[in-house]
Amino acid sequence: MTVTLSDEARRLVVVFEDVTGATARDCLPDEERVVFLVVAGEMATAIGPGGETVGRLEERLDRDVQLVEDADTAEAFVANALAPAAVYNVTISENDTTVAYAEVAEEDKGVAIGTDGRNIEVARRLAERHFGVDDVQLA
């Protein structure tokens, strides 16, 4: 799927790549935080030792930063998007709509949902943009 970035998102990706040395495939900015989709295998580079690199990025952007690692399949992608929640399994159901059902450890459901549903909403937006998944639900 082709993802179109806004001007702000493109500027943020340039800063992300400059500060971290990692590659971002997507960016979802809002007032409080920025979510970057990091190329698979480059998450450690983006985070840095002890979170040092992502910390510098947050200082430079003056916003919280959330990183999501890219994946080759919709199932792995949704699991990555819900991290750090423990996701046991993701099933994709295709009927009238495409829905990803994520089995999450009971104690991690709050983490997967996030404050005011922000984490699961990010998973939904990214899964739709990159895999055409219409909804992500916790099973």
N, C-alpha and C. Protein backbone atom coordinates (compact mmCIF):
# COMPACT_ATOMS: atom_id res chain seq x y z
N MET A 1 0.83 -1.18 0.00
CA MET A 1 0.00 0.00 0.00
C MET A 1 0.88 1.25 0.00
N THR A 2 0.41 2.28 -0.65
CA THR A 2 1.12 3.54 -0.69
C THR A 2 0.65 4.42 0.46
N VAL A 3 1.58 4.92 1.22
CA VAL A 3 1.28 5.78 2.36
C VAL A 3 1.72 7.19 2.01
N THR A 4 0.81 8.14 2.19
CA THR A 4 1.12 9.54 1.93
C THR A 4 1.36 10.25 3.26
N LEU A 5 2.48 10.93 3.34
CA LEU A 5 2.83 11.67 4.55
C LEU A 5 2.53 13.14 4.38
N SER A 6 2.05 13.74 5.45
CA SER A 6 1.83 15.19 5.45
C SER A 6 3.19 15.89 5.46
N ASP A 7 3.19 17.19 5.21
CA ASP A 7 4.44 17.95 5.27
C ASP A 7 5.08 17.86 6.65
N GLU A 8 4.25 17.97 7.70
CA GLU A 8 4.77 17.87 9.06
C GLU A 8 5.39 16.49 9.30
N ALA A 9 4.72 15.44 8.86
CA ALA A 9 5.23 14.08 9.04
C ALA A 9 6.55 13.90 8.31
N ARG A 10 6.66 14.43 7.11
CA ARG A 10 7.92 14.32 6.37
C ARG A 10 9.06 15.03 7.11
N ARG A 11 8.77 16.21 7.66
CA ARG A 11 9.79 16.93 8.42
C ARG A 11 10.22 16.13 9.65
N LEU A 12 9.23 15.53 10.33
CA LEU A 12 9.54 14.75 11.52
C LEU A 12 10.36 13.50 11.18
N VAL A 13 10.07 12.87 10.05
CA VAL A 13 10.84 11.70 9.63
C VAL A 13 12.30 12.08 9.39
N VAL A 14 12.53 13.24 8.78
CA VAL A 14 13.90 13.70 8.56
C VAL A 14 14.63 13.88 9.89
N VAL A 15 13.97 14.49 10.87
CA VAL A 15 14.59 14.67 12.19
C VAL A 15 14.84 13.31 12.83
N PHE A 16 13.85 12.42 12.77
CA PHE A 16 13.99 11.07 13.33
C PHE A 16 15.22 10.38 12.76
N GLU A 17 15.35 10.37 11.44
CA GLU A 17 16.45 9.67 10.80
C GLU A 17 17.79 10.33 11.10
N ASP A 18 17.81 11.66 11.21
CA ASP A 18 19.03 12.39 11.53
C ASP A 18 19.50 12.06 12.95
N VAL A 19 18.58 12.05 13.91
CA VAL A 19 18.93 11.83 15.31
C VAL A 19 19.26 10.37 15.58
N THR A 20 18.47 9.44 15.01
CA THR A 20 18.61 8.03 15.38
C THR A 20 19.51 7.21 14.46
N GLY A 21 19.61 7.60 13.21
CA GLY A 21 20.33 6.78 12.24
C GLY A 21 19.51 5.60 11.75
N ALA A 22 18.27 5.48 12.21
CA ALA A 22 17.35 4.42 11.76
C ALA A 22 16.43 5.00 10.69
N THR A 23 15.70 4.12 10.00
CA THR A 23 14.82 4.53 8.92
C THR A 23 13.37 4.42 9.37
N ALA A 24 12.59 5.47 9.11
CA ALA A 24 11.16 5.47 9.43
C ALA A 24 10.35 5.28 8.15
N ARG A 25 9.36 4.40 8.20
CA ARG A 25 8.49 4.16 7.05
C ARG A 25 7.21 4.96 7.13
N ASP A 26 6.86 5.45 8.32
CA ASP A 26 5.62 6.20 8.50
C ASP A 26 5.76 7.04 9.76
N CYS A 27 4.87 8.03 9.87
CA CYS A 27 4.88 8.93 11.01
C CYS A 27 3.47 9.42 11.26
N LEU A 28 3.01 9.30 12.51
CA LEU A 28 1.69 9.79 12.91
C LEU A 28 1.88 10.83 14.02
N PRO A 29 1.91 12.10 13.66
CA PRO A 29 2.09 13.13 14.68
C PRO A 29 0.75 13.60 15.27
N ASP A 30 0.76 13.94 16.56
CA ASP A 30 -0.34 14.69 17.16
C ASP A 30 0.26 15.69 18.12
N GLU A 31 -0.56 16.37 18.89
CA GLU A 31 -0.06 17.45 19.74
C GLU A 31 0.88 16.96 20.84
N GLU A 32 0.60 15.76 21.37
CA GLU A 32 1.34 15.28 22.54
C GLU A 32 2.48 14.33 22.21
N ARG A 33 2.35 13.60 21.11
CA ARG A 33 3.37 12.60 20.80
C ARG A 33 3.48 12.39 19.29
N VAL A 34 4.54 11.68 18.92
CA VAL A 34 4.76 11.32 17.53
C VAL A 34 5.01 9.81 17.50
N VAL A 35 4.33 9.12 16.60
CA VAL A 35 4.54 7.69 16.42
C VAL A 35 5.32 7.48 15.13
N PHE A 36 6.43 6.76 15.23
CA PHE A 36 7.24 6.44 14.06
C PHE A 36 7.17 4.94 13.81
N LEU A 37 6.97 4.56 12.55
CA LEU A 37 7.05 3.17 12.13
C LEU A 37 8.48 2.94 11.66
N VAL A 38 9.21 2.11 12.40
CA VAL A 38 10.63 1.88 12.17
C VAL A 38 10.81 0.63 11.30
N VAL A 39 11.70 0.72 10.33
CA VAL A 39 12.00 -0.42 9.46
C VAL A 39 12.40 -1.62 10.33
N ALA A 40 11.90 -2.80 9.97
CA ALA A 40 12.21 -4.03 10.71
C ALA A 40 13.72 -4.21 10.84
N GLY A 41 14.14 -4.54 12.06
CA GLY A 41 15.56 -4.77 12.32
C GLY A 41 16.32 -3.54 12.77
N GLU A 42 15.69 -2.36 12.74
CA GLU A 42 16.37 -1.13 13.13
C GLU A 42 15.87 -0.54 14.44
N MET A 43 15.06 -1.30 15.17
CA MET A 43 14.49 -0.79 16.42
C MET A 43 15.57 -0.50 17.46
N ALA A 44 16.54 -1.39 17.60
CA ALA A 44 17.61 -1.16 18.58
C ALA A 44 18.39 0.10 18.27
N THR A 45 18.63 0.36 17.00
CA THR A 45 19.32 1.59 16.60
C THR A 45 18.50 2.81 16.97
N ALA A 46 17.19 2.73 16.73
CA ALA A 46 16.30 3.87 17.02
C ALA A 46 16.22 4.14 18.52
N ILE A 47 16.20 3.09 19.32
CA ILE A 47 16.10 3.26 20.77
C ILE A 47 17.42 3.70 21.37
N GLY A 48 18.50 3.05 20.95
CA GLY A 48 19.82 3.37 21.48
C GLY A 48 20.06 2.72 22.83
N PRO A 49 21.30 2.73 23.29
CA PRO A 49 21.64 2.11 24.58
C PRO A 49 20.89 2.79 25.73
N GLY A 50 20.15 2.00 26.47
CA GLY A 50 19.41 2.54 27.61
C GLY A 50 18.35 3.56 27.22
N GLY A 51 17.91 3.55 25.97
CA GLY A 51 16.90 4.51 25.53
C GLY A 51 17.45 5.90 25.26
N GLU A 52 18.78 5.99 25.21
CA GLU A 52 19.44 7.29 25.06
C GLU A 52 19.08 8.00 23.75
N THR A 53 19.04 7.27 22.66
CA THR A 53 18.79 7.89 21.35
C THR A 53 17.36 8.40 21.25
N VAL A 54 16.41 7.58 21.64
CA VAL A 54 15.01 8.03 21.59
C VAL A 54 14.79 9.18 22.58
N GLY A 55 15.53 9.19 23.67
CA GLY A 55 15.45 10.31 24.62
C GLY A 55 15.90 11.62 23.99
N ARG A 56 17.00 11.56 23.23
CA ARG A 56 17.46 12.76 22.52
C ARG A 56 16.42 13.23 21.51
N LEU A 57 15.79 12.27 20.85
CA LEU A 57 14.75 12.61 19.86
C LEU A 57 13.57 13.30 20.55
N GLU A 58 13.14 12.79 21.69
CA GLU A 58 12.03 13.41 22.42
C GLU A 58 12.38 14.83 22.84
N GLU A 59 13.61 15.04 23.28
CA GLU A 59 14.05 16.39 23.65
C GLU A 59 14.02 17.32 22.44
N ARG A 60 14.51 16.84 21.32
CA ARG A 60 14.57 17.67 20.11
C ARG A 60 13.17 18.02 19.61
N LEU A 61 12.24 17.05 19.68
CA LEU A 61 10.88 17.28 19.19
C LEU A 61 9.98 17.92 20.24
N ASP A 62 10.41 17.89 21.50
CA ASP A 62 9.62 18.38 22.63
C ASP A 62 8.25 17.69 22.68
N ARG A 63 8.27 16.39 22.38
CA ARG A 63 7.07 15.55 22.44
C ARG A 63 7.49 14.13 22.79
N ASP A 64 6.54 13.38 23.34
CA ASP A 64 6.79 11.96 23.55
C ASP A 64 6.90 11.28 22.20
N VAL A 65 7.68 10.22 22.14
CA VAL A 65 7.86 9.45 20.91
C VAL A 65 7.48 8.00 21.19
N GLN A 66 6.70 7.43 20.30
CA GLN A 66 6.37 6.01 20.34
C GLN A 66 6.93 5.37 19.08
N LEU A 67 7.60 4.24 19.26
CA LEU A 67 8.18 3.53 18.13
C LEU A 67 7.45 2.21 17.92
N VAL A 68 7.16 1.91 16.66
CA VAL A 68 6.53 0.64 16.28
C VAL A 68 7.41 0.03 15.20
N GLU A 69 7.75 -1.25 15.38
CA GLU A 69 8.59 -1.92 14.39
C GLU A 69 7.72 -2.51 13.28
N ASP A 70 8.14 -2.29 12.05
CA ASP A 70 7.44 -2.80 10.88
C ASP A 70 7.54 -4.33 10.85
N ALA A 71 6.68 -4.96 10.05
CA ALA A 71 6.68 -6.42 9.90
C ALA A 71 6.18 -6.77 8.51
N ASP A 72 6.45 -8.00 8.09
CA ASP A 72 6.07 -8.46 6.76
C ASP A 72 4.61 -8.90 6.65
N THR A 73 4.02 -9.33 7.77
CA THR A 73 2.64 -9.80 7.74
C THR A 73 1.76 -8.92 8.60
N ALA A 74 0.48 -8.89 8.30
CA ALA A 74 -0.47 -8.09 9.08
C ALA A 74 -0.52 -8.58 10.52
N GLU A 75 -0.43 -9.88 10.73
CA GLU A 75 -0.49 -10.44 12.08
C GLU A 75 0.69 -9.96 12.92
N ALA A 76 1.89 -10.08 12.38
CA ALA A 76 3.09 -9.63 13.11
C ALA A 76 3.07 -8.12 13.30
N PHE A 77 2.57 -7.42 12.31
CA PHE A 77 2.50 -5.96 12.38
C PHE A 77 1.61 -5.52 13.53
N VAL A 78 0.41 -6.11 13.64
CA VAL A 78 -0.52 -5.75 14.73
C VAL A 78 0.11 -6.08 16.08
N ALA A 79 0.76 -7.23 16.20
CA ALA A 79 1.42 -7.58 17.46
C ALA A 79 2.48 -6.54 17.82
N ASN A 80 3.27 -6.11 16.85
CA ASN A 80 4.28 -5.09 17.10
C ASN A 80 3.65 -3.76 17.50
N ALA A 81 2.54 -3.42 16.86
CA ALA A 81 1.88 -2.14 17.14
C ALA A 81 1.30 -2.10 18.55
N LEU A 82 0.97 -3.25 19.11
CA LEU A 82 0.40 -3.31 20.46
C LEU A 82 1.47 -3.48 21.55
N ALA A 83 2.72 -3.65 21.16
CA ALA A 83 3.81 -3.79 22.14
C ALA A 83 3.89 -2.53 22.98
N PRO A 84 4.24 -2.64 24.24
CA PRO A 84 4.86 -3.77 24.92
C PRO A 84 3.88 -4.78 25.52
N ALA A 85 2.61 -4.70 25.18
CA ALA A 85 1.65 -5.70 25.65
C ALA A 85 2.05 -7.08 25.12
N ALA A 86 1.85 -8.11 25.93
CA ALA A 86 2.14 -9.49 25.51
C ALA A 86 1.01 -9.96 24.61
N VAL A 87 1.29 -10.09 23.32
CA VAL A 87 0.30 -10.54 22.33
C VAL A 87 0.61 -12.00 22.01
N TYR A 88 -0.34 -12.89 22.32
CA TYR A 88 -0.13 -14.32 22.10
C TYR A 88 -0.38 -14.73 20.65
N ASN A 89 -1.38 -14.13 20.03
CA ASN A 89 -1.76 -14.54 18.69
C ASN A 89 -2.59 -13.42 18.05
N VAL A 90 -2.47 -13.28 16.75
CA VAL A 90 -3.31 -12.34 16.00
C VAL A 90 -3.93 -13.12 14.85
N THR A 91 -5.25 -13.01 14.74
CA THR A 91 -5.98 -13.66 13.66
C THR A 91 -6.64 -12.59 12.81
N ILE A 92 -6.51 -12.71 11.50
CA ILE A 92 -7.14 -11.78 10.58
C ILE A 92 -8.41 -12.42 10.03
N SER A 93 -9.52 -11.72 10.16
CA SER A 93 -10.80 -12.20 9.64
C SER A 93 -11.24 -11.28 8.51
N GLU A 94 -11.51 -11.89 7.35
CA GLU A 94 -11.92 -11.10 6.19
C GLU A 94 -13.32 -11.50 5.78
N ASN A 95 -14.29 -10.66 6.09
CA ASN A 95 -15.67 -10.82 5.63
C ASN A 95 -16.01 -9.55 4.87
N ASP A 96 -17.00 -8.80 5.33
CA ASP A 96 -17.30 -7.51 4.72
C ASP A 96 -16.19 -6.51 5.01
N THR A 97 -15.57 -6.68 6.17
CA THR A 97 -14.44 -5.85 6.57
C THR A 97 -13.30 -6.76 7.01
N THR A 98 -12.12 -6.21 7.08
CA THR A 98 -10.96 -6.97 7.55
C THR A 98 -10.68 -6.55 8.98
N VAL A 99 -10.73 -7.53 9.89
CA VAL A 99 -10.54 -7.25 11.31
C VAL A 99 -9.42 -8.12 11.85
N ALA A 100 -8.52 -7.51 12.61
CA ALA A 100 -7.46 -8.24 13.29
C ALA A 100 -7.88 -8.43 14.74
N TYR A 101 -7.95 -9.69 15.17
CA TYR A 101 -8.27 -10.03 16.55
C TYR A 101 -6.98 -10.42 17.25
N ALA A 102 -6.60 -9.63 18.25
CA ALA A 102 -5.34 -9.85 18.97
C ALA A 102 -5.63 -10.45 20.34
N GLU A 103 -5.02 -11.61 20.60
CA GLU A 103 -5.13 -12.23 21.92
C GLU A 103 -4.02 -11.65 22.79
N VAL A 104 -4.45 -10.91 23.80
CA VAL A 104 -3.51 -10.21 24.68
C VAL A 104 -3.65 -10.76 26.09
N ALA A 105 -2.53 -10.91 26.78
CA ALA A 105 -2.56 -11.35 28.18
C ALA A 105 -3.49 -10.44 28.97
N GLU A 106 -4.30 -11.03 29.82
CA GLU A 106 -5.29 -10.27 30.60
C GLU A 106 -4.65 -9.09 31.33
N GLU A 107 -3.48 -9.33 31.92
CA GLU A 107 -2.82 -8.27 32.68
C GLU A 107 -2.25 -7.16 31.79
N ASP A 108 -2.20 -7.40 30.47
CA ASP A 108 -1.66 -6.40 29.55
C ASP A 108 -2.72 -5.70 28.70
N LYS A 109 -3.99 -6.00 28.94
CA LYS A 109 -5.04 -5.37 28.13
C LYS A 109 -5.03 -3.85 28.29
N GLY A 110 -4.79 -3.37 29.49
CA GLY A 110 -4.71 -1.93 29.72
C GLY A 110 -3.58 -1.29 28.94
N VAL A 111 -2.45 -1.98 28.87
CA VAL A 111 -1.30 -1.49 28.11
C VAL A 111 -1.64 -1.44 26.62
N ALA A 112 -2.30 -2.50 26.13
CA ALA A 112 -2.65 -2.56 24.71
C ALA A 112 -3.63 -1.46 24.34
N ILE A 113 -4.57 -1.17 25.23
CA ILE A 113 -5.57 -0.13 24.96
C ILE A 113 -4.95 1.25 25.13
N GLY A 114 -4.21 1.45 26.21
CA GLY A 114 -3.57 2.74 26.46
C GLY A 114 -4.53 3.75 27.05
N THR A 115 -3.99 4.85 27.52
CA THR A 115 -4.77 5.92 28.10
C THR A 115 -5.73 6.48 27.05
N ASP A 116 -6.99 6.51 27.38
CA ASP A 116 -8.04 6.99 26.47
C ASP A 116 -8.05 6.24 25.14
N GLY A 117 -7.57 4.99 25.13
CA GLY A 117 -7.59 4.18 23.91
C GLY A 117 -6.55 4.58 22.87
N ARG A 118 -5.55 5.35 23.29
CA ARG A 118 -4.57 5.87 22.33
C ARG A 118 -3.72 4.79 21.68
N ASN A 119 -3.30 3.77 22.44
CA ASN A 119 -2.42 2.76 21.86
C ASN A 119 -3.14 1.90 20.83
N ILE A 120 -4.33 1.45 21.15
CA ILE A 120 -5.04 0.61 20.18
C ILE A 120 -5.46 1.43 18.96
N GLU A 121 -5.70 2.71 19.15
CA GLU A 121 -6.03 3.56 18.00
C GLU A 121 -4.84 3.71 17.06
N VAL A 122 -3.64 3.81 17.61
CA VAL A 122 -2.43 3.85 16.78
C VAL A 122 -2.30 2.54 16.01
N ALA A 123 -2.53 1.41 16.67
CA ALA A 123 -2.47 0.11 16.00
C ALA A 123 -3.48 0.06 14.86
N ARG A 124 -4.68 0.56 15.10
CA ARG A 124 -5.72 0.57 14.06
C ARG A 124 -5.30 1.43 12.86
N ARG A 125 -4.82 2.63 13.16
CA ARG A 125 -4.44 3.54 12.07
C ARG A 125 -3.30 2.98 11.23
N LEU A 126 -2.27 2.47 11.90
CA LEU A 126 -1.13 1.93 11.17
C LEU A 126 -1.50 0.67 10.38
N ALA A 127 -2.30 -0.22 10.99
CA ALA A 127 -2.70 -1.46 10.30
C ALA A 127 -3.55 -1.13 9.07
N GLU A 128 -4.36 -0.11 9.17
CA GLU A 128 -5.18 0.28 8.02
C GLU A 128 -4.30 0.87 6.92
N ARG A 129 -3.36 1.72 7.31
CA ARG A 129 -2.49 2.39 6.34
C ARG A 129 -1.56 1.42 5.61
N HIS A 130 -1.11 0.38 6.30
CA HIS A 130 -0.08 -0.49 5.73
C HIS A 130 -0.58 -1.86 5.28
N PHE A 131 -1.73 -2.31 5.80
CA PHE A 131 -2.22 -3.63 5.43
C PHE A 131 -3.70 -3.66 5.07
N GLY A 132 -4.37 -2.51 5.07
CA GLY A 132 -5.78 -2.48 4.71
C GLY A 132 -6.68 -3.13 5.75
N VAL A 133 -6.22 -3.23 7.00
CA VAL A 133 -7.02 -3.80 8.09
C VAL A 133 -7.96 -2.70 8.59
N ASP A 134 -9.26 -3.00 8.59
CA ASP A 134 -10.26 -1.99 8.96
C ASP A 134 -10.37 -1.76 10.47
N ASP A 135 -10.07 -2.79 11.27
CA ASP A 135 -10.22 -2.65 12.72
C ASP A 135 -9.28 -3.61 13.42
N VAL A 136 -8.87 -3.25 14.63
CA VAL A 136 -8.09 -4.11 15.50
C VAL A 136 -8.88 -4.23 16.79
N GLN A 137 -9.14 -5.47 17.19
CA GLN A 137 -9.90 -5.71 18.41
C GLN A 137 -9.11 -6.68 19.29
N LEU A 138 -9.29 -6.52 20.60
CA LEU A 138 -8.66 -7.43 21.54
C LEU A 138 -9.58 -8.61 21.79
N ALA A 139 -9.00 -9.79 21.72
CA ALA A 139 -9.79 -11.02 21.92
C ALA A 139 -9.61 -11.51 23.35
